[in-house]
């Protein structure tokens, strides 16, 4: 197919010293990349705070020994102690669970997002999967709880945003708040709040280079999309929900090049199904999807 157009109640000096000691991770994965914001893969995905809706905690991007520089320590704000708090994915992607025991990150999760960028969540008390396992997550999916495992001496959540090449973004943004080096800001989470607006776009789900060329409404419950990447000849199908956002429910997306088998992604998902990608340059495709019992199936079209 071708397309011609388009945690504490008080943060003390003692805690800061403990955190410096806890996070001197020279031998850990955190020290593997040079910190910078000057990288071709800077994060374009919108991230929400990694906590339940309405929770407020300090995001501390402190300097003077924090490793890696630019990472955030989420700490207690006011009377709401952070220890044991639910940790949620700040954006959707594929999560990998790891456990370094009493060293480094301790229990930690890395999520690789649709554009190749990634986030890390360290010193967790618990994780929803065992070390070595992976799972697909949406923004707001619960991945664990705050603790003090690994090389940490006080409960907090160590959080990083990294580019697709592994470089730490030293001015990460969550819930619209940018926390640059040396800053500490109180951030209120809107993660898991639900609402009527899906936080994802079709192009974000399919990735860089894809543009929407067609779509179909699924009544009032969602919309299914067809996208195309002129650079590699691949099509992409994705279905976005507009109801039950943040709650797993039945949704699907499929793509079928003419003369070939159909590929379908279906299940109970919180925000979307897909991406389903197929190479079909110069070939007609059938595409569509469903939310609940409402579905759409196109004819073979966009033949180029």
Protein backbone atom coordinates (compact mmCIF):
# COMPACT_ATOMS: atom_id res chain seq x y z
CA UNK A 1 0.00 0.00 0.00
CA UNK A 2 1.31 3.43 -0.90
CA UNK A 3 0.13 6.79 0.33
CA UNK A 4 0.71 10.01 -1.54
CA UNK A 5 -0.69 12.39 1.11
CA UNK A 6 -0.58 12.54 4.06
CA UNK A 7 8.51 10.01 52.32
CA UNK A 8 9.12 11.18 54.74
CA UNK A 9 7.48 13.93 56.77
CA UNK A 10 10.61 16.06 56.75
CA UNK A 11 13.47 15.83 54.31
CA UNK A 12 16.62 16.17 56.42
CA UNK A 13 20.32 16.34 55.85
CA UNK A 14 20.54 12.86 57.28
CA UNK A 15 18.14 11.55 54.66
CA UNK A 16 20.02 13.28 51.86
CA UNK A 17 23.26 11.66 52.99
CA UNK A 18 21.55 8.29 53.16
CA UNK A 19 20.15 8.75 49.68
CA UNK A 20 23.55 9.69 48.30
CA UNK A 21 24.97 6.51 49.78
CA UNK A 22 22.03 4.44 48.64
CA UNK A 23 22.12 5.63 45.08
CA UNK A 24 25.83 5.61 44.36
CA UNK A 25 25.20 2.96 41.78
CA UNK A 26 28.44 2.99 39.88
CA UNK A 27 28.30 -0.74 39.29
CA UNK A 28 24.59 -0.80 38.47
CA UNK A 29 22.59 -0.45 35.23
CA UNK A 30 21.87 3.16 36.19
CA UNK A 31 25.46 4.17 35.53
CA UNK A 32 25.54 2.73 32.05
CA UNK A 33 24.63 5.90 30.16
CA UNK A 34 25.93 9.46 30.17
CA UNK A 35 23.33 11.93 31.37
CA UNK A 36 22.16 14.45 28.84
CA UNK A 37 19.07 15.98 27.31
CA UNK A 38 20.81 16.50 23.98
CA UNK A 39 19.82 13.23 22.36
CA UNK A 40 17.90 12.35 19.25
CA UNK A 41 15.53 10.18 21.28
CA UNK A 42 14.25 12.68 23.83
CA UNK A 43 10.95 11.56 25.29
CA UNK A 44 7.94 12.76 23.35
CA UNK A 45 5.36 10.67 25.21
CA UNK A 46 3.34 12.42 27.90
CA UNK A 47 4.04 10.89 31.32
CA UNK A 48 1.89 11.05 34.43
CA UNK A 49 3.16 10.78 38.00
CA UNK A 50 3.69 7.14 39.10
CA UNK A 51 1.09 7.19 41.88
CA UNK A 52 -2.63 6.90 42.48
CA UNK A 53 -4.94 9.68 41.33
CA UNK A 54 -4.80 12.70 43.62
CA UNK A 55 -1.65 11.66 45.50
CA UNK A 56 0.93 14.42 46.01
CA UNK A 57 4.62 13.68 46.58
CA UNK A 58 7.89 15.55 46.16
CA UNK A 59 9.82 14.98 42.94
CA UNK A 60 13.44 15.66 43.95
CA UNK A 61 15.97 16.00 41.12
CA UNK A 62 18.88 16.66 43.43
CA UNK A 63 22.52 17.18 42.57
CA UNK A 64 25.78 16.40 44.32
CA UNK A 65 26.13 12.65 44.08
CA UNK A 66 22.82 11.40 42.75
CA UNK A 67 23.43 8.58 40.32
CA UNK A 68 22.45 8.81 37.56
CA UNK A 69 22.22 12.58 37.47
CA UNK A 70 18.78 13.67 36.33
CA UNK A 71 16.86 10.85 37.98
CA UNK A 72 14.02 11.68 40.36
CA UNK A 73 13.66 10.60 43.98
CA UNK A 74 9.97 10.64 44.87
CA UNK A 75 9.67 11.47 48.59
CA UNK A 76 7.03 12.09 51.25
CA UNK A 77 5.08 15.34 50.99
CA UNK A 78 3.25 16.63 54.06
CA UNK A 79 1.68 13.94 56.24
CA UNK A 80 1.27 11.32 53.50
CA UNK A 81 4.24 8.95 53.89
CA UNK A 82 5.35 7.44 50.61
CA UNK A 83 6.37 4.02 51.98
CA UNK A 84 4.08 1.29 50.63
CA UNK A 85 2.37 3.54 48.09
CA UNK A 86 1.12 1.97 44.86
CA UNK A 87 3.44 2.54 41.89
CA UNK A 88 1.87 2.92 38.45
CA UNK A 89 3.33 3.06 34.95
CA UNK A 90 3.78 6.68 33.89
CA UNK A 91 3.09 5.70 30.25
CA UNK A 92 2.23 2.53 28.38
CA UNK A 93 4.70 -0.01 26.99
CA UNK A 94 6.37 -3.31 27.81
CA UNK A 95 7.51 -3.77 31.41
CA UNK A 96 10.42 -5.98 32.48
CA UNK A 97 10.83 -6.94 36.13
CA UNK A 98 14.22 -7.41 37.83
CA UNK A 99 15.66 -7.97 41.30
CA UNK A 100 19.23 -7.14 42.29
CA UNK A 101 18.76 -8.20 45.89
CA UNK A 102 20.37 -5.99 48.51
CA UNK A 103 22.41 -3.97 45.99
CA UNK A 104 21.83 -1.24 43.43
CA UNK A 105 18.20 -0.84 42.32
CA UNK A 106 16.95 -3.77 44.42
CA UNK A 107 13.53 -4.69 43.04
CA UNK A 108 13.00 -2.61 39.94
CA UNK A 109 11.01 -2.31 36.72
CA UNK A 110 11.90 -0.93 33.32
CA UNK A 111 9.19 0.02 30.83
CA UNK A 112 10.05 0.42 27.14
CA UNK A 113 7.53 2.71 25.47
CA UNK A 114 6.17 2.74 21.93
CA UNK A 115 8.86 5.14 20.66
CA UNK A 116 11.75 3.17 22.22
CA UNK A 117 12.14 5.52 25.19
CA UNK A 118 12.05 3.97 28.65
CA UNK A 119 11.35 4.62 32.31
CA UNK A 120 12.79 2.94 35.41
CA UNK A 121 11.23 2.46 38.86
CA UNK A 122 13.64 1.30 41.59
CA UNK A 123 13.85 0.22 45.27
CA UNK A 124 10.36 -1.31 45.11
CA UNK A 125 9.02 -3.27 48.08
CA UNK A 126 6.90 -5.49 45.85
CA UNK A 127 6.39 -6.10 42.13
CA UNK A 128 3.33 -7.48 40.36
CA UNK A 129 5.46 -9.97 38.40
CA UNK A 130 8.45 -12.10 39.35
CA UNK A 131 11.97 -11.10 38.34
CA UNK A 132 12.66 -12.04 34.73
CA UNK A 133 9.04 -11.71 33.61
CA UNK A 134 7.55 -9.13 31.26
CA UNK A 135 4.06 -7.74 30.73
CA UNK A 136 2.29 -5.21 28.54
CA UNK A 137 1.18 -2.17 30.51
CA UNK A 138 -0.94 0.89 29.89
CA UNK A 139 -0.50 4.26 31.51
CA UNK A 140 -1.69 3.77 35.08
CA UNK A 141 -1.13 0.01 35.25
CA UNK A 142 0.01 -1.00 38.74
CA UNK A 143 3.56 -2.41 38.69
CA UNK A 144 4.51 -2.51 42.39
CA UNK A 145 4.77 -0.62 45.67
CA UNK A 146 7.27 1.86 47.12
CA UNK A 147 9.97 0.45 49.40
CA UNK A 148 13.66 0.60 50.22
CA UNK A 149 15.20 -2.49 48.60
CA UNK A 150 18.67 -2.63 47.10
CA UNK A 151 21.19 0.08 47.92
CA UNK A 152 18.66 2.28 49.72
CA UNK A 153 18.40 3.20 53.40
CA UNK A 154 15.09 5.09 53.37
CA UNK A 155 11.79 4.45 51.54
CA UNK A 156 11.42 6.35 48.29
CA UNK A 157 10.84 5.72 44.61
CA UNK A 158 13.85 6.19 42.32
CA UNK A 159 12.53 7.13 38.87
CA UNK A 160 14.24 7.75 35.54
CA UNK A 161 13.17 8.82 32.07
CA UNK A 162 15.61 7.65 29.39
CA UNK A 163 15.82 8.20 25.66
CA UNK A 164 15.74 5.35 23.16
CA UNK A 165 19.55 5.19 23.27
CA UNK A 166 19.58 4.91 27.08
CA UNK A 167 20.56 8.48 27.93
CA UNK A 168 18.92 9.93 31.05
CA UNK A 169 16.71 12.98 30.50
CA UNK A 170 17.99 15.41 33.14
CA UNK A 171 14.80 17.51 33.02
CA UNK A 172 12.00 14.94 33.13
CA UNK A 173 8.38 16.01 32.90
CA UNK A 174 5.47 14.32 34.70
CA UNK A 175 1.87 15.51 34.77
CA UNK A 176 2.99 18.62 32.91
CA UNK A 177 5.57 19.57 35.55
CA UNK A 178 9.23 19.72 34.46
CA UNK A 179 11.72 18.99 37.26
CA UNK A 180 15.18 20.13 36.21
CA UNK A 181 18.50 19.44 37.93
CA UNK A 182 18.60 20.91 41.43
CA UNK A 183 14.83 21.30 41.68
CA UNK A 184 12.33 19.71 44.08
CA UNK A 185 8.66 20.14 43.28
CA UNK A 186 5.43 18.82 44.73
CA UNK A 187 3.53 17.00 41.97
CA UNK A 188 -0.07 15.81 42.20
CA UNK A 189 -0.80 12.67 40.22
CA UNK A 190 -3.58 12.43 37.66
CA UNK A 191 -2.63 8.82 36.92
CA UNK A 192 -5.50 6.36 37.05
CA UNK A 193 -8.09 9.12 37.36
CA UNK A 194 -10.10 7.88 34.40
CA UNK A 195 -12.10 10.54 32.60
CA UNK A 196 -13.40 10.81 29.05
CA UNK A 197 -10.14 11.47 27.21
CA UNK A 198 -7.85 8.65 26.14
CA UNK A 199 -4.25 9.68 26.97
CA UNK A 200 -2.90 7.92 23.87
CA UNK A 201 -2.94 8.82 20.19
CA UNK A 202 -2.82 6.34 17.29
CA UNK A 203 0.56 7.65 16.12
CA UNK A 204 1.99 7.30 19.63
CA UNK A 205 0.86 3.66 19.80
CA UNK A 206 2.22 2.77 16.34
CA UNK A 207 5.45 4.73 16.75
CA UNK A 208 7.64 7.12 14.83
CA UNK A 209 6.95 7.51 11.10
CA UNK A 210 3.31 6.39 11.13
CA UNK A 211 0.48 8.67 10.05
CA UNK A 212 -3.29 8.10 10.20
CA UNK A 213 -4.81 7.51 6.76
CA UNK A 214 -8.25 6.24 7.77
CA UNK A 215 -10.43 5.66 10.83
CA UNK A 216 -13.89 4.47 11.79
CA UNK A 217 -16.00 5.30 14.82
CA UNK A 218 -17.15 2.44 17.05
CA UNK A 219 -20.32 4.15 18.14
CA UNK A 220 -19.53 6.14 21.28
CA UNK A 221 -17.18 3.55 22.80
CA UNK A 222 -14.05 4.06 20.70
CA UNK A 223 -12.46 4.43 17.29
CA UNK A 224 -10.31 2.13 15.17
CA UNK A 225 -7.48 3.51 13.00
CA UNK A 226 -5.34 2.58 10.02
CA UNK A 227 -1.88 4.16 9.80
CA UNK A 228 0.90 3.90 7.24
CA UNK A 229 4.66 4.40 7.35
CA UNK A 230 5.87 5.54 3.93
CA UNK A 231 9.47 4.98 5.00
CA UNK A 232 9.17 1.20 5.38
CA UNK A 233 5.90 0.25 3.68
CA UNK A 234 4.27 -1.01 6.87
CA UNK A 235 0.65 -0.54 7.86
CA UNK A 236 -0.48 -0.31 11.49
CA UNK A 237 -3.91 -0.86 13.02
CA UNK A 238 -4.89 0.34 16.50
CA UNK A 239 -8.17 0.72 18.36
CA UNK A 240 -8.55 3.37 21.10
CA UNK A 241 -11.22 3.16 23.80
CA UNK A 242 -13.25 6.17 24.86
CA UNK A 243 -15.11 4.46 27.72
CA UNK A 244 -13.93 2.46 30.76
CA UNK A 245 -10.57 4.18 30.44
CA UNK A 246 -7.98 2.78 32.83
CA UNK A 247 -10.08 -0.34 33.40
CA UNK A 248 -9.34 -3.52 31.42
CA UNK A 249 -12.17 -4.38 29.05
CA UNK A 250 -12.59 -6.13 25.70
CA UNK A 251 -10.92 -4.37 22.78
CA UNK A 252 -9.29 -5.56 19.55
CA UNK A 253 -7.50 -4.41 16.39
CA UNK A 254 -6.67 -6.37 13.25
CA UNK A 255 -4.89 -6.05 9.90
CA UNK A 256 -5.16 -8.33 6.86
CA UNK A 257 -3.19 -7.78 3.64
CA UNK A 258 -5.08 -9.20 0.66
CA UNK A 259 -4.04 -12.79 -0.02
CA UNK A 260 -2.48 -13.19 3.43
CA UNK A 261 -3.64 -14.22 6.89
CA UNK A 262 -5.16 -11.81 9.38
CA UNK A 263 -3.20 -10.61 12.44
CA UNK A 264 -5.27 -9.64 15.47
CA UNK A 265 -4.49 -8.17 18.88
CA UNK A 266 -7.38 -8.71 21.28
CA UNK A 267 -7.92 -8.94 25.01
CA UNK A 268 -8.95 -6.94 28.05
CA UNK A 269 -6.94 -3.74 27.81
CA UNK A 270 -7.12 -0.44 29.71
CA UNK A 271 -6.75 2.02 26.82
CA UNK A 272 -6.12 0.44 23.42
CA UNK A 273 -5.51 -2.67 21.31
CA UNK A 274 -2.54 -2.90 18.96
CA UNK A 275 -0.33 -1.92 17.43
CA UNK A 276 -0.79 -4.52 14.70
CA UNK A 277 1.83 -3.98 12.00
CA UNK A 278 2.08 -5.67 8.58
CA UNK A 279 4.18 -5.00 5.50
CA UNK A 280 1.96 -4.58 2.44
CA UNK A 281 3.45 -2.18 -0.12
CA UNK A 282 1.27 -2.06 -3.24
CA UNK A 283 -1.28 -4.41 -1.62
CA UNK A 284 -4.85 -3.82 -0.52
CA UNK A 285 -5.56 -4.23 3.18
CA UNK A 286 -8.57 -5.01 5.32
CA UNK A 287 -8.49 -3.48 8.80
CA UNK A 288 -10.67 -2.75 11.79
CA UNK A 289 -11.32 -3.54 15.42
CA UNK A 290 -13.79 -3.58 18.26
CA UNK A 291 -14.60 -2.23 21.69
CA UNK A 292 -16.95 -4.53 23.57
CA UNK A 293 -19.63 -5.71 21.17
CA UNK A 294 -19.22 -2.79 18.74
CA UNK A 295 -16.95 -3.59 15.79
CA UNK A 296 -15.88 -2.36 12.38
CA UNK A 297 -14.39 -4.25 9.42
CA UNK A 298 -13.27 -2.41 6.32
CA UNK A 299 -13.33 -3.74 2.76
CA UNK A 300 -10.00 -4.39 1.05
CA UNK A 301 -8.84 -0.85 0.28
CA UNK A 302 -5.92 1.60 0.28
CA UNK A 303 -4.30 -0.52 -2.42
CA UNK A 304 -1.82 2.10 -3.63
